[in-house]
Amino acid sequence: MPTVLLKDGYRFFFYSNDHHPIHIHVEKENKVAKFNLEPIELIRSSRFNSKELKEMRKLVEDNIELFKTKWNEYFNHI
């Protein structure tokens, strides 16, 4: 599970066998979520409250290019 970013207690990552569409997983403590990146859209969330989801979405927006670059680097080399 390549970690792409650790920020404010959130871990942004993808699985080594992930698939399209391009997306990012997020975890914090025992909570998980998944965002599509094109367009940015919450796909799934478990146990995050609305404040946390808003914070995560902002972090996804702020780091979208990093996430896309890391996705492409990883999946274009396997």
N, C-alpha and C. Protein backbone atom coordinates (compact mmCIF):
# COMPACT_ATOMS: atom_id res chain seq x y z
N MET A 1 0.84 -1.17 0.00
CA MET A 1 0.00 0.00 0.00
C MET A 1 0.89 1.24 0.00
N PRO A 2 1.22 1.74 -1.15
CA PRO A 2 2.06 2.94 -1.20
C PRO A 2 1.38 4.15 -0.56
N THR A 3 2.03 4.72 0.43
CA THR A 3 1.55 5.94 1.06
C THR A 3 2.02 7.12 0.23
N VAL A 4 1.10 8.01 -0.09
CA VAL A 4 1.40 9.17 -0.92
C VAL A 4 1.60 10.41 -0.06
N LEU A 5 0.81 10.53 1.02
CA LEU A 5 0.87 11.73 1.84
C LEU A 5 0.38 11.42 3.25
N LEU A 6 1.07 11.95 4.24
CA LEU A 6 0.61 11.96 5.63
C LEU A 6 0.42 13.41 6.01
N LYS A 7 -0.80 13.77 6.40
CA LYS A 7 -1.10 15.17 6.70
C LYS A 7 -2.23 15.24 7.71
N ASP A 8 -2.00 15.98 8.79
CA ASP A 8 -3.02 16.21 9.82
C ASP A 8 -3.64 14.92 10.34
N GLY A 9 -2.83 13.88 10.42
CA GLY A 9 -3.31 12.60 10.94
C GLY A 9 -3.95 11.71 9.89
N TYR A 10 -4.12 12.22 8.66
CA TYR A 10 -4.70 11.44 7.58
C TYR A 10 -3.58 10.77 6.77
N ARG A 11 -3.82 9.55 6.38
CA ARG A 11 -2.89 8.83 5.50
C ARG A 11 -3.57 8.63 4.16
N PHE A 12 -2.98 9.19 3.11
CA PHE A 12 -3.51 9.07 1.76
C PHE A 12 -2.67 8.02 1.04
N PHE A 13 -3.32 7.04 0.44
CA PHE A 13 -2.60 5.93 -0.15
C PHE A 13 -3.43 5.27 -1.25
N PHE A 14 -2.78 4.38 -1.99
CA PHE A 14 -3.50 3.49 -2.89
C PHE A 14 -2.96 2.08 -2.68
N TYR A 15 -3.73 1.12 -3.12
CA TYR A 15 -3.32 -0.28 -3.01
C TYR A 15 -2.46 -0.64 -4.22
N SER A 16 -1.53 -1.54 -4.03
CA SER A 16 -0.62 -1.91 -5.12
C SER A 16 -1.35 -2.58 -6.27
N ASN A 17 -2.54 -3.09 -6.05
CA ASN A 17 -3.32 -3.72 -7.12
C ASN A 17 -4.55 -2.89 -7.48
N ASP A 18 -4.51 -1.59 -7.23
CA ASP A 18 -5.66 -0.72 -7.50
C ASP A 18 -5.98 -0.66 -8.99
N HIS A 19 -7.08 -0.07 -9.30
CA HIS A 19 -7.65 -0.07 -10.65
C HIS A 19 -8.18 1.33 -10.98
N HIS A 20 -8.50 1.53 -12.23
CA HIS A 20 -9.14 2.79 -12.65
C HIS A 20 -10.61 2.78 -12.26
N PRO A 21 -11.23 3.90 -12.08
CA PRO A 21 -10.70 5.24 -12.30
C PRO A 21 -9.70 5.62 -11.21
N ILE A 22 -8.87 6.61 -11.54
CA ILE A 22 -7.84 7.07 -10.62
C ILE A 22 -8.51 7.58 -9.33
N HIS A 23 -7.99 7.11 -8.20
CA HIS A 23 -8.61 7.46 -6.91
C HIS A 23 -7.55 7.38 -5.80
N ILE A 24 -7.95 7.83 -4.62
CA ILE A 24 -7.06 7.81 -3.45
C ILE A 24 -7.86 7.30 -2.25
N HIS A 25 -7.24 6.49 -1.44
CA HIS A 25 -7.84 6.01 -0.19
C HIS A 25 -7.30 6.88 0.95
N VAL A 26 -8.11 7.03 1.99
CA VAL A 26 -7.72 7.83 3.15
C VAL A 26 -8.07 7.06 4.40
N GLU A 27 -7.15 7.09 5.37
CA GLU A 27 -7.45 6.47 6.66
C GLU A 27 -6.94 7.36 7.78
N LYS A 28 -7.62 7.25 8.88
CA LYS A 28 -7.23 7.93 10.12
C LYS A 28 -7.84 7.12 11.25
N GLU A 29 -6.97 6.65 12.12
CA GLU A 29 -7.40 5.79 13.21
C GLU A 29 -8.13 4.59 12.63
N ASN A 30 -9.38 4.35 12.98
CA ASN A 30 -10.11 3.19 12.46
C ASN A 30 -11.14 3.60 11.41
N LYS A 31 -10.91 4.74 10.75
CA LYS A 31 -11.84 5.27 9.76
C LYS A 31 -11.20 5.23 8.38
N VAL A 32 -12.04 5.02 7.35
CA VAL A 32 -11.54 4.95 5.98
C VAL A 32 -12.48 5.70 5.04
N ALA A 33 -11.90 6.15 3.93
CA ALA A 33 -12.68 6.81 2.88
C ALA A 33 -11.97 6.61 1.55
N LYS A 34 -12.69 6.90 0.47
CA LYS A 34 -12.13 6.78 -0.87
C LYS A 34 -12.68 7.93 -1.71
N PHE A 35 -11.76 8.61 -2.42
CA PHE A 35 -12.13 9.71 -3.31
C PHE A 35 -11.67 9.41 -4.72
N ASN A 36 -12.56 9.58 -5.69
CA ASN A 36 -12.14 9.62 -7.09
C ASN A 36 -11.44 10.94 -7.30
N LEU A 37 -10.49 10.97 -8.24
CA LEU A 37 -9.73 12.19 -8.48
C LEU A 37 -10.14 12.92 -9.75
N GLU A 38 -10.83 12.27 -10.64
CA GLU A 38 -11.24 12.90 -11.91
C GLU A 38 -12.69 12.57 -12.20
N PRO A 39 -13.65 13.35 -11.76
CA PRO A 39 -13.54 14.54 -10.92
C PRO A 39 -13.41 14.14 -9.45
N ILE A 40 -13.06 15.10 -8.63
CA ILE A 40 -12.95 14.83 -7.18
C ILE A 40 -14.35 14.55 -6.66
N GLU A 41 -14.48 13.36 -6.09
CA GLU A 41 -15.79 12.92 -5.63
C GLU A 41 -15.61 11.87 -4.52
N LEU A 42 -16.30 12.06 -3.42
CA LEU A 42 -16.29 11.07 -2.35
C LEU A 42 -17.04 9.84 -2.83
N ILE A 43 -16.39 8.69 -2.80
CA ILE A 43 -17.00 7.44 -3.24
C ILE A 43 -17.52 6.63 -2.06
N ARG A 44 -16.74 6.64 -0.98
CA ARG A 44 -17.10 5.80 0.17
C ARG A 44 -16.48 6.39 1.42
N SER A 45 -17.20 6.26 2.52
CA SER A 45 -16.69 6.71 3.80
C SER A 45 -17.24 5.84 4.90
N SER A 46 -16.39 5.55 5.86
CA SER A 46 -16.82 4.78 7.02
C SER A 46 -16.30 5.43 8.29
N ARG A 47 -17.21 5.94 9.08
CA ARG A 47 -16.96 6.49 10.41
C ARG A 47 -16.42 7.93 10.45
N PHE A 48 -16.15 8.56 9.29
CA PHE A 48 -15.74 9.96 9.31
C PHE A 48 -16.97 10.84 9.48
N ASN A 49 -16.81 11.92 10.24
CA ASN A 49 -17.92 12.87 10.37
C ASN A 49 -17.82 13.91 9.25
N SER A 50 -18.82 14.77 9.15
CA SER A 50 -18.86 15.72 8.03
C SER A 50 -17.70 16.72 8.07
N LYS A 51 -17.26 17.11 9.26
CA LYS A 51 -16.11 18.03 9.37
C LYS A 51 -14.85 17.38 8.81
N GLU A 52 -14.62 16.12 9.18
CA GLU A 52 -13.45 15.39 8.69
C GLU A 52 -13.51 15.20 7.17
N LEU A 53 -14.69 14.90 6.65
CA LEU A 53 -14.84 14.73 5.21
C LEU A 53 -14.54 16.02 4.47
N LYS A 54 -14.95 17.14 5.04
CA LYS A 54 -14.66 18.44 4.43
C LYS A 54 -13.14 18.69 4.45
N GLU A 55 -12.49 18.40 5.58
CA GLU A 55 -11.03 18.56 5.69
C GLU A 55 -10.32 17.69 4.66
N MET A 56 -10.75 16.43 4.54
CA MET A 56 -10.12 15.51 3.59
C MET A 56 -10.29 15.99 2.16
N ARG A 57 -11.49 16.42 1.83
CA ARG A 57 -11.74 16.90 0.46
C ARG A 57 -10.81 18.07 0.13
N LYS A 58 -10.64 18.98 1.08
CA LYS A 58 -9.74 20.13 0.88
C LYS A 58 -8.31 19.63 0.66
N LEU A 59 -7.88 18.65 1.44
CA LEU A 59 -6.54 18.10 1.26
C LEU A 59 -6.40 17.41 -0.09
N VAL A 60 -7.44 16.73 -0.54
CA VAL A 60 -7.41 16.12 -1.86
C VAL A 60 -7.29 17.21 -2.93
N GLU A 61 -8.10 18.25 -2.81
CA GLU A 61 -8.04 19.36 -3.77
C GLU A 61 -6.65 19.99 -3.79
N ASP A 62 -6.08 20.22 -2.61
CA ASP A 62 -4.77 20.88 -2.51
C ASP A 62 -3.62 20.01 -3.03
N ASN A 63 -3.82 18.70 -3.04
CA ASN A 63 -2.74 17.78 -3.41
C ASN A 63 -3.07 16.93 -4.64
N ILE A 64 -4.04 17.36 -5.41
CA ILE A 64 -4.51 16.57 -6.55
C ILE A 64 -3.39 16.23 -7.53
N GLU A 65 -2.53 17.18 -7.83
CA GLU A 65 -1.46 16.91 -8.79
C GLU A 65 -0.46 15.90 -8.24
N LEU A 66 -0.15 15.99 -6.96
CA LEU A 66 0.73 15.00 -6.32
C LEU A 66 0.12 13.61 -6.43
N PHE A 67 -1.16 13.48 -6.10
CA PHE A 67 -1.82 12.18 -6.13
C PHE A 67 -1.83 11.60 -7.55
N LYS A 68 -2.14 12.43 -8.53
CA LYS A 68 -2.16 11.95 -9.92
C LYS A 68 -0.76 11.54 -10.37
N THR A 69 0.23 12.35 -10.04
CA THR A 69 1.61 12.04 -10.42
C THR A 69 2.05 10.72 -9.81
N LYS A 70 1.81 10.54 -8.52
CA LYS A 70 2.23 9.31 -7.84
C LYS A 70 1.49 8.09 -8.39
N TRP A 71 0.20 8.24 -8.68
CA TRP A 71 -0.58 7.15 -9.28
C TRP A 71 0.06 6.75 -10.60
N ASN A 72 0.29 7.73 -11.46
CA ASN A 72 0.85 7.44 -12.79
C ASN A 72 2.26 6.86 -12.70
N GLU A 73 3.09 7.40 -11.81
CA GLU A 73 4.44 6.84 -11.64
C GLU A 73 4.37 5.38 -11.21
N TYR A 74 3.51 5.09 -10.26
CA TYR A 74 3.44 3.74 -9.73
C TYR A 74 2.85 2.76 -10.74
N PHE A 75 1.70 3.09 -11.29
CA PHE A 75 1.00 2.13 -12.14
C PHE A 75 1.54 2.07 -13.56
N ASN A 76 2.32 3.02 -13.97
CA ASN A 76 2.95 2.95 -15.28
C ASN A 76 4.28 2.20 -15.25
N HIS A 77 4.73 1.82 -14.05
CA HIS A 77 5.99 1.09 -13.91
C HIS A 77 5.83 -0.34 -13.43
N ILE A 78 4.61 -0.80 -13.29
CA ILE A 78 4.43 -2.19 -12.85
C ILE A 78 4.02 -3.07 -14.00
